[in-house]
């Protein structure tokens, strides 16, 4: 794959994901009046498990989505620039494991929605990558992420009412853990995708 084709694929992946988020929120806001928001993560309720898969796709309103879009694109893009498989690994890990953490330990009678868990997962991964990998490129990306969004780490603390700090916390922790074990996890992920492709 040439550099141009790889870049085109990465733009399609990230741009397609953002398009899905905006398409869903526009439909939910303009036509469904927030009906989809009920499908978020409902901690320790069996029907709330569906939110582990659906919550990052849903947002309270267009302002909520706007707040998440730019850091999602910037931080996700910094990971995607390194490797498409790495981006998919971090996204899947933060999405599922971070969501399960919220389901197990989130506040009683709360409903968690939004892609901010992914944003904090990407941030946690990039910050930890500079520490664990200690290559020039990893340190540079870690510094960029820290300078741009390091101040948002306050969001992992329960200071702001109505904000899913648990989603931020677990996203950040999972992202950091993936960075710590990046090499074996990426090898496992590539083997898994290869096996899946054989069966498709």
N, C-alpha and C. Protein backbone atom coordinates (compact mmCIF):
# COMPACT_ATOMS: atom_id res chain seq x y z
N UNK A 1 0.84 -1.19 0.00
CA UNK A 1 0.00 0.00 0.00
C UNK A 1 0.88 1.25 0.00
N UNK A 2 0.60 2.16 -0.92
CA UNK A 2 1.37 3.40 -0.99
C UNK A 2 1.00 4.34 0.15
N UNK A 3 1.84 5.35 0.37
CA UNK A 3 1.57 6.32 1.42
C UNK A 3 0.25 7.04 1.15
N UNK A 4 0.01 7.38 -0.12
CA UNK A 4 -1.20 8.11 -0.48
C UNK A 4 -2.45 7.26 -0.22
N UNK A 5 -2.40 5.98 -0.58
CA UNK A 5 -3.55 5.12 -0.38
C UNK A 5 -3.78 4.85 1.10
N UNK A 6 -2.69 4.73 1.87
CA UNK A 6 -2.81 4.53 3.32
C UNK A 6 -3.45 5.76 3.97
N UNK A 7 -3.01 6.94 3.55
CA UNK A 7 -3.56 8.18 4.09
C UNK A 7 -5.04 8.30 3.73
N UNK A 8 -5.38 7.94 2.51
CA UNK A 8 -6.78 8.00 2.06
C UNK A 8 -7.64 7.06 2.90
N UNK A 9 -7.14 5.86 3.19
CA UNK A 9 -7.87 4.91 4.02
C UNK A 9 -8.08 5.46 5.43
N UNK A 10 -7.05 6.10 5.98
CA UNK A 10 -7.15 6.64 7.33
C UNK A 10 -8.16 7.78 7.39
N UNK A 11 -8.16 8.62 6.38
CA UNK A 11 -9.14 9.71 6.33
C UNK A 11 -10.55 9.14 6.22
N UNK A 12 -10.72 8.08 5.44
CA UNK A 12 -12.03 7.45 5.31
C UNK A 12 -12.49 6.87 6.63
N UNK A 13 -11.59 6.24 7.38
CA UNK A 13 -11.96 5.62 8.64
C UNK A 13 -12.40 6.66 9.66
N UNK A 14 -11.55 7.67 9.87
CA UNK A 14 -11.85 8.68 10.88
C UNK A 14 -13.01 9.57 10.42
N UNK A 15 -12.98 9.96 9.15
CA UNK A 15 -14.07 10.79 8.63
C UNK A 15 -15.39 10.05 8.62
N UNK A 16 -15.37 8.77 8.29
CA UNK A 16 -16.58 7.97 8.30
C UNK A 16 -17.16 7.84 9.70
N UNK A 17 -16.29 7.65 10.68
CA UNK A 17 -16.75 7.54 12.06
C UNK A 17 -17.41 8.83 12.52
N UNK A 18 -16.77 9.96 12.23
CA UNK A 18 -17.34 11.25 12.61
C UNK A 18 -18.67 11.49 11.89
N UNK A 19 -18.75 11.08 10.63
CA UNK A 19 -19.99 11.25 9.87
C UNK A 19 -21.13 10.44 10.49
N UNK A 20 -20.82 9.23 10.96
CA UNK A 20 -21.83 8.41 11.63
C UNK A 20 -22.31 9.09 12.90
N UNK A 21 -21.38 9.63 13.70
CA UNK A 21 -21.76 10.32 14.93
C UNK A 21 -22.69 11.49 14.65
N UNK A 22 -22.33 12.29 13.65
CA UNK A 22 -23.14 13.47 13.34
C UNK A 22 -24.47 13.08 12.71
N UNK A 23 -24.46 12.06 11.87
CA UNK A 23 -25.71 11.61 11.26
C UNK A 23 -26.70 11.13 12.30
N UNK A 24 -26.22 10.31 13.25
CA UNK A 24 -27.08 9.81 14.31
C UNK A 24 -27.63 10.95 15.18
N UNK A 25 -26.75 11.89 15.53
CA UNK A 25 -27.19 12.96 16.43
C UNK A 25 -28.16 13.91 15.74
N UNK A 26 -27.95 14.18 14.47
CA UNK A 26 -28.89 15.03 13.74
C UNK A 26 -30.27 14.38 13.66
N UNK A 27 -30.30 13.08 13.37
CA UNK A 27 -31.58 12.36 13.33
C UNK A 27 -32.23 12.36 14.70
N UNK A 28 -31.42 12.08 15.75
CA UNK A 28 -31.97 12.01 17.10
C UNK A 28 -32.47 13.36 17.58
N UNK A 29 -31.74 14.43 17.24
CA UNK A 29 -32.13 15.77 17.69
C UNK A 29 -33.32 16.31 16.91
N UNK A 30 -33.27 16.19 15.60
CA UNK A 30 -34.28 16.82 14.75
C UNK A 30 -35.56 15.99 14.59
N UNK A 31 -35.42 14.66 14.62
CA UNK A 31 -36.58 13.81 14.36
C UNK A 31 -37.05 13.02 15.58
N UNK A 32 -36.11 12.53 16.37
CA UNK A 32 -36.48 11.63 17.47
C UNK A 32 -36.52 12.32 18.83
N UNK A 33 -36.08 13.57 18.90
CA UNK A 33 -36.13 14.37 20.12
C UNK A 33 -35.42 13.68 21.29
N UNK A 34 -34.26 13.14 21.01
CA UNK A 34 -33.44 12.55 22.07
C UNK A 34 -33.83 11.14 22.46
N UNK A 35 -34.68 10.49 21.70
CA UNK A 35 -35.15 9.14 22.03
C UNK A 35 -34.01 8.13 22.14
N UNK A 36 -32.96 8.29 21.31
CA UNK A 36 -31.86 7.33 21.31
C UNK A 36 -31.02 7.37 22.58
N UNK A 37 -31.11 8.46 23.32
CA UNK A 37 -30.26 8.62 24.51
C UNK A 37 -30.55 7.59 25.59
N UNK A 38 -31.70 6.96 25.54
CA UNK A 38 -32.04 5.94 26.53
C UNK A 38 -31.18 4.68 26.39
N UNK A 39 -30.46 4.56 25.28
CA UNK A 39 -29.66 3.37 25.03
C UNK A 39 -28.20 3.52 25.50
N UNK A 40 -27.96 4.43 26.44
CA UNK A 40 -26.63 4.58 27.01
C UNK A 40 -26.32 3.47 28.01
N UNK A 41 -25.19 3.62 28.67
CA UNK A 41 -24.78 2.65 29.69
C UNK A 41 -25.53 2.92 30.98
N UNK A 42 -26.31 1.94 31.43
CA UNK A 42 -27.05 2.02 32.69
C UNK A 42 -26.35 1.08 33.67
N UNK A 43 -25.54 1.61 34.57
CA UNK A 43 -24.70 0.77 35.41
C UNK A 43 -25.46 -0.30 36.19
N UNK A 44 -24.90 -1.52 36.11
CA UNK A 44 -25.38 -2.68 36.85
C UNK A 44 -26.83 -3.06 36.57
N UNK A 45 -27.33 -2.68 35.41
CA UNK A 45 -28.62 -3.14 34.94
C UNK A 45 -28.39 -3.91 33.65
N UNK A 46 -29.00 -5.08 33.54
CA UNK A 46 -28.70 -5.94 32.40
C UNK A 46 -28.99 -5.25 31.08
N UNK A 47 -30.09 -4.51 31.00
CA UNK A 47 -30.40 -3.83 29.74
C UNK A 47 -29.42 -2.69 29.47
N UNK A 48 -28.71 -2.27 30.52
CA UNK A 48 -27.72 -1.22 30.34
C UNK A 48 -26.45 -1.69 29.67
N UNK A 49 -26.29 -3.04 29.54
CA UNK A 49 -25.10 -3.57 28.87
C UNK A 49 -25.07 -3.21 27.39
N UNK A 50 -26.26 -3.02 26.80
CA UNK A 50 -26.29 -2.65 25.39
C UNK A 50 -25.59 -1.31 25.17
N UNK A 51 -25.58 -0.49 26.23
CA UNK A 51 -24.93 0.81 26.14
C UNK A 51 -23.42 0.72 25.98
N UNK A 52 -22.83 -0.40 26.40
CA UNK A 52 -21.38 -0.58 26.20
C UNK A 52 -21.06 -0.48 24.71
N UNK A 53 -21.95 -1.02 23.89
CA UNK A 53 -21.75 -0.96 22.43
C UNK A 53 -22.27 0.34 21.82
N UNK A 54 -23.32 0.91 22.40
CA UNK A 54 -24.00 2.03 21.75
C UNK A 54 -23.63 3.41 22.29
N UNK A 55 -23.23 3.48 23.56
CA UNK A 55 -23.04 4.79 24.20
C UNK A 55 -22.10 5.75 23.47
N UNK A 56 -20.94 5.27 22.96
CA UNK A 56 -20.03 6.23 22.28
C UNK A 56 -20.63 6.84 21.01
N UNK A 57 -21.70 6.24 20.49
CA UNK A 57 -22.33 6.76 19.29
C UNK A 57 -23.40 7.80 19.59
N UNK A 58 -23.77 7.94 20.86
CA UNK A 58 -24.89 8.79 21.25
C UNK A 58 -24.41 10.02 22.01
N UNK A 59 -25.13 11.13 21.85
CA UNK A 59 -24.77 12.36 22.56
C UNK A 59 -26.02 13.07 23.04
N UNK A 60 -25.86 13.82 24.10
CA UNK A 60 -26.99 14.51 24.72
C UNK A 60 -27.64 15.51 23.75
N UNK A 61 -26.82 16.23 23.01
CA UNK A 61 -27.31 17.20 22.04
C UNK A 61 -26.16 17.55 21.10
N UNK A 62 -26.41 18.45 20.18
CA UNK A 62 -25.40 18.81 19.19
C UNK A 62 -24.21 19.52 19.84
N UNK A 63 -24.44 20.26 20.89
CA UNK A 63 -23.34 20.92 21.59
C UNK A 63 -22.41 19.89 22.22
N UNK A 64 -22.99 18.87 22.81
CA UNK A 64 -22.21 17.78 23.41
C UNK A 64 -21.32 17.12 22.35
N UNK A 65 -21.91 16.84 21.19
CA UNK A 65 -21.15 16.21 20.10
C UNK A 65 -20.07 17.15 19.58
N UNK A 66 -20.38 18.42 19.44
CA UNK A 66 -19.38 19.38 18.96
C UNK A 66 -18.17 19.42 19.88
N UNK A 67 -18.42 19.39 21.19
CA UNK A 67 -17.33 19.40 22.16
C UNK A 67 -16.41 18.21 22.00
N UNK A 68 -16.97 17.06 21.65
CA UNK A 68 -16.18 15.84 21.51
C UNK A 68 -15.51 15.69 20.15
N UNK A 69 -16.06 16.31 19.13
CA UNK A 69 -15.60 16.03 17.77
C UNK A 69 -14.14 16.43 17.52
N UNK A 70 -13.77 17.65 17.88
CA UNK A 70 -12.42 18.12 17.57
C UNK A 70 -11.35 17.29 18.28
N UNK A 71 -11.41 17.08 19.60
CA UNK A 71 -10.39 16.24 20.23
C UNK A 71 -10.41 14.80 19.74
N UNK A 72 -11.58 14.31 19.38
CA UNK A 72 -11.67 12.95 18.84
C UNK A 72 -10.88 12.84 17.54
N UNK A 73 -11.03 13.84 16.67
CA UNK A 73 -10.33 13.84 15.39
C UNK A 73 -8.83 14.06 15.59
N UNK A 74 -8.46 15.00 16.45
CA UNK A 74 -7.04 15.32 16.65
C UNK A 74 -6.31 14.16 17.31
N UNK A 75 -6.80 13.69 18.44
CA UNK A 75 -6.12 12.63 19.17
C UNK A 75 -6.22 11.29 18.44
N UNK A 76 -7.40 11.01 17.90
CA UNK A 76 -7.54 9.78 17.11
C UNK A 76 -6.66 9.81 15.88
N UNK A 77 -6.54 11.00 15.28
CA UNK A 77 -5.68 11.14 14.11
C UNK A 77 -4.21 10.90 14.43
N UNK A 78 -3.77 11.31 15.62
CA UNK A 78 -2.37 11.08 16.01
C UNK A 78 -2.07 9.59 16.17
N UNK A 79 -3.06 8.83 16.60
CA UNK A 79 -2.88 7.38 16.71
C UNK A 79 -3.01 6.73 15.34
N UNK A 80 -3.99 7.17 14.57
CA UNK A 80 -4.21 6.60 13.24
C UNK A 80 -3.02 6.86 12.33
N UNK A 81 -2.36 7.99 12.51
CA UNK A 81 -1.17 8.32 11.72
C UNK A 81 -0.07 7.29 11.93
N UNK A 82 0.00 6.73 13.12
CA UNK A 82 1.01 5.71 13.41
C UNK A 82 0.69 4.39 12.72
N UNK A 83 -0.56 3.98 12.80
CA UNK A 83 -0.95 2.69 12.23
C UNK A 83 -2.46 2.55 12.29
N UNK A 84 -3.04 2.06 11.20
CA UNK A 84 -4.48 1.82 11.19
C UNK A 84 -4.86 0.75 12.19
N UNK A 85 -4.07 -0.33 12.24
CA UNK A 85 -4.39 -1.42 13.17
C UNK A 85 -4.27 -0.95 14.62
N UNK A 86 -3.31 -0.06 14.91
CA UNK A 86 -3.16 0.45 16.26
C UNK A 86 -4.38 1.29 16.64
N UNK A 87 -4.85 2.11 15.73
CA UNK A 87 -6.04 2.92 15.99
C UNK A 87 -7.24 2.03 16.28
N UNK A 88 -7.42 0.99 15.48
CA UNK A 88 -8.56 0.08 15.68
C UNK A 88 -8.44 -0.66 17.01
N UNK A 89 -7.22 -1.04 17.37
CA UNK A 89 -6.99 -1.73 18.64
C UNK A 89 -7.34 -0.82 19.81
N UNK A 90 -6.81 0.40 19.80
CA UNK A 90 -7.07 1.32 20.91
C UNK A 90 -8.56 1.66 20.99
N UNK A 91 -9.16 1.91 19.84
CA UNK A 91 -10.58 2.24 19.81
C UNK A 91 -11.43 1.11 20.36
N UNK A 92 -11.18 -0.11 19.89
CA UNK A 92 -11.97 -1.27 20.35
C UNK A 92 -11.75 -1.52 21.83
N UNK A 93 -10.50 -1.44 22.29
CA UNK A 93 -10.20 -1.69 23.69
C UNK A 93 -10.85 -0.68 24.61
N UNK A 94 -10.71 0.61 24.29
CA UNK A 94 -11.29 1.66 25.12
C UNK A 94 -12.82 1.58 25.07
N UNK A 95 -13.36 1.36 23.89
CA UNK A 95 -14.81 1.29 23.69
C UNK A 95 -15.41 0.20 24.58
N UNK A 96 -14.86 -1.01 24.51
CA UNK A 96 -15.45 -2.15 25.21
C UNK A 96 -15.06 -2.20 26.69
N UNK A 97 -13.76 -2.16 26.98
CA UNK A 97 -13.31 -2.29 28.36
C UNK A 97 -13.66 -1.06 29.19
N UNK A 98 -13.50 0.12 28.58
CA UNK A 98 -13.90 1.33 29.28
C UNK A 98 -15.40 1.34 29.57
N UNK A 99 -16.18 0.89 28.59
CA UNK A 99 -17.63 0.82 28.78
C UNK A 99 -18.03 -0.17 29.86
N UNK A 100 -17.36 -1.30 29.91
CA UNK A 100 -17.64 -2.29 30.96
C UNK A 100 -17.28 -1.75 32.34
N UNK A 101 -16.18 -1.00 32.42
CA UNK A 101 -15.81 -0.38 33.69
C UNK A 101 -16.89 0.56 34.19
N UNK A 102 -17.46 1.35 33.27
CA UNK A 102 -18.55 2.26 33.64
C UNK A 102 -19.77 1.47 34.08
N UNK A 103 -20.06 0.37 33.38
CA UNK A 103 -21.23 -0.44 33.73
C UNK A 103 -21.09 -1.04 35.13
N UNK A 104 -19.90 -1.48 35.47
CA UNK A 104 -19.67 -2.08 36.78
C UNK A 104 -19.66 -1.04 37.90
N UNK A 105 -19.06 0.12 37.67
CA UNK A 105 -18.77 1.05 38.76
C UNK A 105 -19.38 2.44 38.60
N UNK A 106 -20.19 2.63 37.56
CA UNK A 106 -20.84 3.92 37.37
C UNK A 106 -21.85 4.22 38.45
N UNK A 107 -22.25 5.47 38.53
CA UNK A 107 -23.20 5.90 39.56
C UNK A 107 -24.56 5.26 39.39
N UNK A 108 -25.21 4.96 40.51
CA UNK A 108 -26.54 4.35 40.50
C UNK A 108 -27.55 5.29 39.84
N UNK A 109 -28.42 4.70 39.02
CA UNK A 109 -29.47 5.44 38.32
C UNK A 109 -28.92 6.51 37.36
N UNK A 110 -27.69 6.31 36.87
CA UNK A 110 -27.11 7.23 35.89
C UNK A 110 -27.19 6.63 34.50
N UNK A 111 -27.05 7.48 33.50
CA UNK A 111 -27.07 7.06 32.10
C UNK A 111 -25.88 7.71 31.40
N UNK A 112 -24.96 6.90 30.91
CA UNK A 112 -23.71 7.41 30.36
C UNK A 112 -23.72 7.31 28.83
N UNK A 113 -23.56 8.45 28.17
CA UNK A 113 -23.50 8.48 26.71
C UNK A 113 -22.38 9.43 26.28
N UNK A 114 -21.95 9.29 25.03
CA UNK A 114 -20.96 10.20 24.46
C UNK A 114 -19.63 9.54 24.14
N UNK A 115 -18.91 10.16 23.23
CA UNK A 115 -17.61 9.65 22.78
C UNK A 115 -16.45 10.18 23.61
N UNK A 116 -16.74 10.87 24.72
CA UNK A 116 -15.64 11.44 25.51
C UNK A 116 -14.78 10.36 26.14
N UNK A 117 -15.36 9.18 26.39
CA UNK A 117 -14.55 8.07 26.89
C UNK A 117 -13.47 7.69 25.90
N UNK A 118 -13.81 7.72 24.61
CA UNK A 118 -12.82 7.46 23.56
C UNK A 118 -11.76 8.55 23.55
N UNK A 119 -12.19 9.80 23.68
CA UNK A 119 -11.25 10.92 23.68
C UNK A 119 -10.23 10.75 24.80
N UNK A 120 -10.71 10.43 26.00
CA UNK A 120 -9.79 10.25 27.13
C UNK A 120 -8.95 8.99 26.96
N UNK A 121 -9.51 7.98 26.29
CA UNK A 121 -8.72 6.78 26.01
C UNK A 121 -7.58 7.08 25.06
N UNK A 122 -7.86 7.86 24.01
CA UNK A 122 -6.80 8.25 23.07
C UNK A 122 -5.75 9.10 23.79
N UNK A 123 -6.21 10.02 24.64
CA UNK A 123 -5.28 10.87 25.37
C UNK A 123 -4.41 10.04 26.31
N UNK A 124 -5.03 9.13 27.05
CA UNK A 124 -4.27 8.27 27.95
C UNK A 124 -3.26 7.42 27.23
N UNK A 125 -3.64 6.91 26.06
CA UNK A 125 -2.71 6.10 25.27
C UNK A 125 -1.52 6.93 24.83
N UNK A 126 -1.76 8.10 24.28
CA UNK A 126 -0.68 8.93 23.74
C UNK A 126 0.27 9.41 24.83
N UNK A 127 -0.28 9.81 25.98
CA UNK A 127 0.57 10.26 27.07
C UNK A 127 1.43 9.12 27.60
N UNK A 128 0.82 7.94 27.74
CA UNK A 128 1.58 6.80 28.25
C UNK A 128 2.57 6.27 27.23
N UNK A 129 2.27 6.40 25.96
CA UNK A 129 3.14 5.88 24.91
C UNK A 129 4.51 6.56 24.95
N UNK A 130 4.52 7.86 25.19
CA UNK A 130 5.79 8.56 25.29
C UNK A 130 6.63 8.05 26.44
N UNK A 131 5.98 7.68 27.54
CA UNK A 131 6.69 7.18 28.71
C UNK A 131 7.21 5.76 28.50
N UNK A 132 6.36 4.88 27.97
CA UNK A 132 6.72 3.47 27.85
C UNK A 132 7.61 3.19 26.64
N UNK A 133 7.31 3.83 25.51
CA UNK A 133 8.07 3.54 24.29
C UNK A 133 9.39 4.31 24.25
N UNK A 134 9.36 5.56 24.68
CA UNK A 134 10.54 6.41 24.79
C UNK A 134 11.30 6.58 23.47
N UNK A 135 10.58 6.50 22.37
CA UNK A 135 11.18 6.84 21.08
C UNK A 135 10.93 8.32 20.82
N UNK A 136 11.70 8.90 19.91
CA UNK A 136 11.53 10.31 19.61
C UNK A 136 10.13 10.64 19.12
N UNK A 137 9.59 9.78 18.24
CA UNK A 137 8.26 10.02 17.68
C UNK A 137 7.19 9.91 18.75
N UNK A 138 7.31 8.88 19.61
CA UNK A 138 6.31 8.68 20.66
C UNK A 138 6.33 9.83 21.66
N UNK A 139 7.51 10.30 22.02
CA UNK A 139 7.62 11.42 22.96
C UNK A 139 7.05 12.69 22.34
N UNK A 140 7.32 12.90 21.05
CA UNK A 140 6.79 14.08 20.36
C UNK A 140 5.26 14.06 20.33
N UNK A 141 4.68 12.90 20.01
CA UNK A 141 3.23 12.78 19.98
C UNK A 141 2.63 12.96 21.38
N UNK A 142 3.34 12.43 22.37
CA UNK A 142 2.88 12.58 23.75
C UNK A 142 2.89 14.05 24.17
N UNK A 143 3.91 14.78 23.78
CA UNK A 143 3.99 16.20 24.10
C UNK A 143 2.90 16.99 23.40
N UNK A 144 2.65 16.67 22.14
CA UNK A 144 1.60 17.36 21.40
C UNK A 144 0.24 17.13 22.07
N UNK A 145 -0.04 15.86 22.41
CA UNK A 145 -1.31 15.53 23.05
C UNK A 145 -1.42 16.23 24.41
N UNK A 146 -0.33 16.22 25.16
CA UNK A 146 -0.35 16.85 26.47
C UNK A 146 -0.53 18.35 26.41
N UNK A 147 0.14 19.00 25.47
CA UNK A 147 0.02 20.45 25.33
C UNK A 147 -1.38 20.86 24.89
N UNK A 148 -1.97 20.05 24.01
CA UNK A 148 -3.29 20.40 23.48
C UNK A 148 -4.41 20.08 24.46
N UNK A 149 -4.31 18.92 25.11
CA UNK A 149 -5.46 18.44 25.89
C UNK A 149 -5.11 17.94 27.29
N UNK A 150 -3.88 18.16 27.74
CA UNK A 150 -3.50 17.69 29.06
C UNK A 150 -4.36 18.26 30.17
N UNK A 151 -4.81 19.50 30.01
CA UNK A 151 -5.61 20.13 31.06
C UNK A 151 -6.97 19.46 31.25
N UNK A 152 -7.43 18.72 30.23
CA UNK A 152 -8.73 18.07 30.34
C UNK A 152 -8.69 16.86 31.27
N UNK A 153 -7.49 16.45 31.71
CA UNK A 153 -7.39 15.31 32.62
C UNK A 153 -8.13 15.55 33.93
N UNK A 154 -8.43 16.81 34.24
CA UNK A 154 -9.27 17.07 35.41
C UNK A 154 -10.62 16.41 35.26
N UNK A 155 -10.98 16.08 34.02
CA UNK A 155 -12.28 15.44 33.76
C UNK A 155 -12.41 14.03 34.28
N UNK A 156 -11.31 13.44 34.76
CA UNK A 156 -11.40 12.09 35.34
C UNK A 156 -11.79 12.15 36.81
N UNK A 157 -11.94 13.36 37.35
CA UNK A 157 -12.32 13.53 38.75
C UNK A 157 -13.79 13.97 38.84
N UNK A 158 -14.47 13.59 39.93
CA UNK A 158 -15.92 13.86 40.04
C UNK A 158 -16.23 15.28 40.49
N UNK A 159 -15.76 16.26 39.72
CA UNK A 159 -15.95 17.66 40.10
C UNK A 159 -17.18 18.29 39.44
N UNK A 160 -17.50 17.82 38.23
CA UNK A 160 -18.55 18.49 37.45
C UNK A 160 -19.81 17.64 37.40
N UNK A 161 -20.88 18.15 37.89
CA UNK A 161 -22.15 17.44 37.92
C UNK A 161 -22.67 17.20 36.49
N UNK A 162 -23.19 16.00 36.26
CA UNK A 162 -23.77 15.69 34.96
C UNK A 162 -22.77 15.24 33.92
N UNK A 163 -21.50 15.11 34.30
CA UNK A 163 -20.44 14.66 33.39
C UNK A 163 -20.01 13.25 33.79
N UNK A 164 -19.85 12.38 32.80
CA UNK A 164 -19.48 10.98 33.07
C UNK A 164 -17.98 10.89 33.36
N UNK A 165 -17.61 11.27 34.59
CA UNK A 165 -16.19 11.21 34.94
C UNK A 165 -15.71 9.77 34.98
N UNK A 166 -16.63 8.82 35.26
CA UNK A 166 -16.24 7.41 35.25
C UNK A 166 -15.84 6.97 33.84
N UNK A 167 -16.58 7.45 32.84
CA UNK A 167 -16.23 7.14 31.46
C UNK A 167 -14.88 7.71 31.10
N UNK A 168 -14.60 8.93 31.55
CA UNK A 168 -13.30 9.56 31.31
C UNK A 168 -12.19 8.78 31.99
N UNK A 169 -12.42 8.41 33.25
CA UNK A 169 -11.41 7.70 34.03
C UNK A 169 -11.08 6.34 33.43
N UNK A 170 -12.11 5.54 33.17
CA UNK A 170 -11.85 4.20 32.64
C UNK A 170 -11.30 4.25 31.22
N UNK A 171 -11.75 5.23 30.42
CA UNK A 171 -11.18 5.39 29.10
C UNK A 171 -9.69 5.67 29.17
N UNK A 172 -9.31 6.59 30.04
CA UNK A 172 -7.91 6.97 30.20
C UNK A 172 -7.08 5.80 30.71
N UNK A 173 -7.59 5.07 31.69
CA UNK A 173 -6.87 3.93 32.25
C UNK A 173 -6.67 2.82 31.21
N UNK A 174 -7.71 2.53 30.46
CA UNK A 174 -7.60 1.48 29.44
C UNK A 174 -6.63 1.92 28.34
N UNK A 175 -6.71 3.18 27.92
CA UNK A 175 -5.77 3.68 26.92
C UNK A 175 -4.33 3.56 27.38
N UNK A 176 -4.08 3.92 28.64
CA UNK A 176 -2.73 3.80 29.19
C UNK A 176 -2.27 2.35 29.26
N UNK A 177 -3.18 1.44 29.65
CA UNK A 177 -2.83 0.02 29.74
C UNK A 177 -2.51 -0.56 28.37
N UNK A 178 -3.26 -0.15 27.35
CA UNK A 178 -2.98 -0.62 25.99
C UNK A 178 -1.60 -0.15 25.54
N UNK A 179 -1.25 1.07 25.91
CA UNK A 179 0.08 1.58 25.58
C UNK A 179 1.17 0.75 26.25
N UNK A 180 0.93 0.38 27.50
CA UNK A 180 1.92 -0.40 28.24
C UNK A 180 2.18 -1.75 27.58
N UNK A 181 1.14 -2.37 27.07
CA UNK A 181 1.25 -3.70 26.47
C UNK A 181 0.99 -3.66 24.96
N UNK A 182 1.40 -2.56 24.35
CA UNK A 182 1.08 -2.31 22.94
C UNK A 182 1.58 -3.41 22.01
N UNK A 183 2.84 -3.82 22.15
CA UNK A 183 3.42 -4.78 21.20
C UNK A 183 2.69 -6.12 21.20
N UNK A 184 2.50 -6.79 22.35
CA UNK A 184 1.78 -8.07 22.32
C UNK A 184 0.32 -7.93 21.94
N UNK A 185 -0.31 -6.84 22.37
CA UNK A 185 -1.72 -6.63 22.02
C UNK A 185 -1.89 -6.40 20.52
N UNK A 186 -0.97 -5.64 19.93
CA UNK A 186 -1.07 -5.37 18.51
C UNK A 186 -0.82 -6.64 17.70
N UNK A 187 0.11 -7.46 18.15
CA UNK A 187 0.37 -8.73 17.48
C UNK A 187 -0.85 -9.64 17.56
N UNK A 188 -1.47 -9.69 18.75
CA UNK A 188 -2.68 -10.50 18.92
C UNK A 188 -3.81 -9.96 18.05
N UNK A 189 -3.95 -8.64 17.98
CA UNK A 189 -5.02 -8.03 17.21
C UNK A 189 -4.85 -8.32 15.72
N UNK A 190 -3.62 -8.24 15.23
CA UNK A 190 -3.36 -8.53 13.82
C UNK A 190 -3.65 -9.99 13.52
N UNK A 191 -3.29 -10.90 14.44
CA UNK A 191 -3.59 -12.32 14.25
C UNK A 191 -5.09 -12.56 14.23
N UNK A 192 -5.81 -11.86 15.11
CA UNK A 192 -7.26 -12.00 15.17
C UNK A 192 -7.92 -11.53 13.88
N UNK A 193 -7.50 -10.36 13.38
CA UNK A 193 -8.10 -9.84 12.15
C UNK A 193 -7.76 -10.74 10.97
N UNK A 194 -6.56 -11.31 10.96
CA UNK A 194 -6.19 -12.24 9.89
C UNK A 194 -7.08 -13.47 9.93
N UNK A 195 -7.34 -14.01 11.12
CA UNK A 195 -8.18 -15.18 11.28
C UNK A 195 -9.61 -14.88 10.85
N UNK A 196 -10.11 -13.69 11.21
CA UNK A 196 -11.45 -13.29 10.83
C UNK A 196 -11.58 -13.16 9.32
N UNK A 197 -10.55 -12.59 8.68
CA UNK A 197 -10.58 -12.43 7.23
C UNK A 197 -10.61 -13.76 6.51
N UNK A 198 -10.00 -14.77 7.09
CA UNK A 198 -10.03 -16.10 6.49
C UNK A 198 -11.43 -16.70 6.47
N UNK A 199 -12.23 -16.29 7.43
CA UNK A 199 -13.58 -16.86 7.57
C UNK A 199 -14.66 -16.02 6.89
N UNK A 200 -14.29 -14.83 6.45
CA UNK A 200 -15.28 -13.97 5.77
C UNK A 200 -15.33 -14.28 4.28
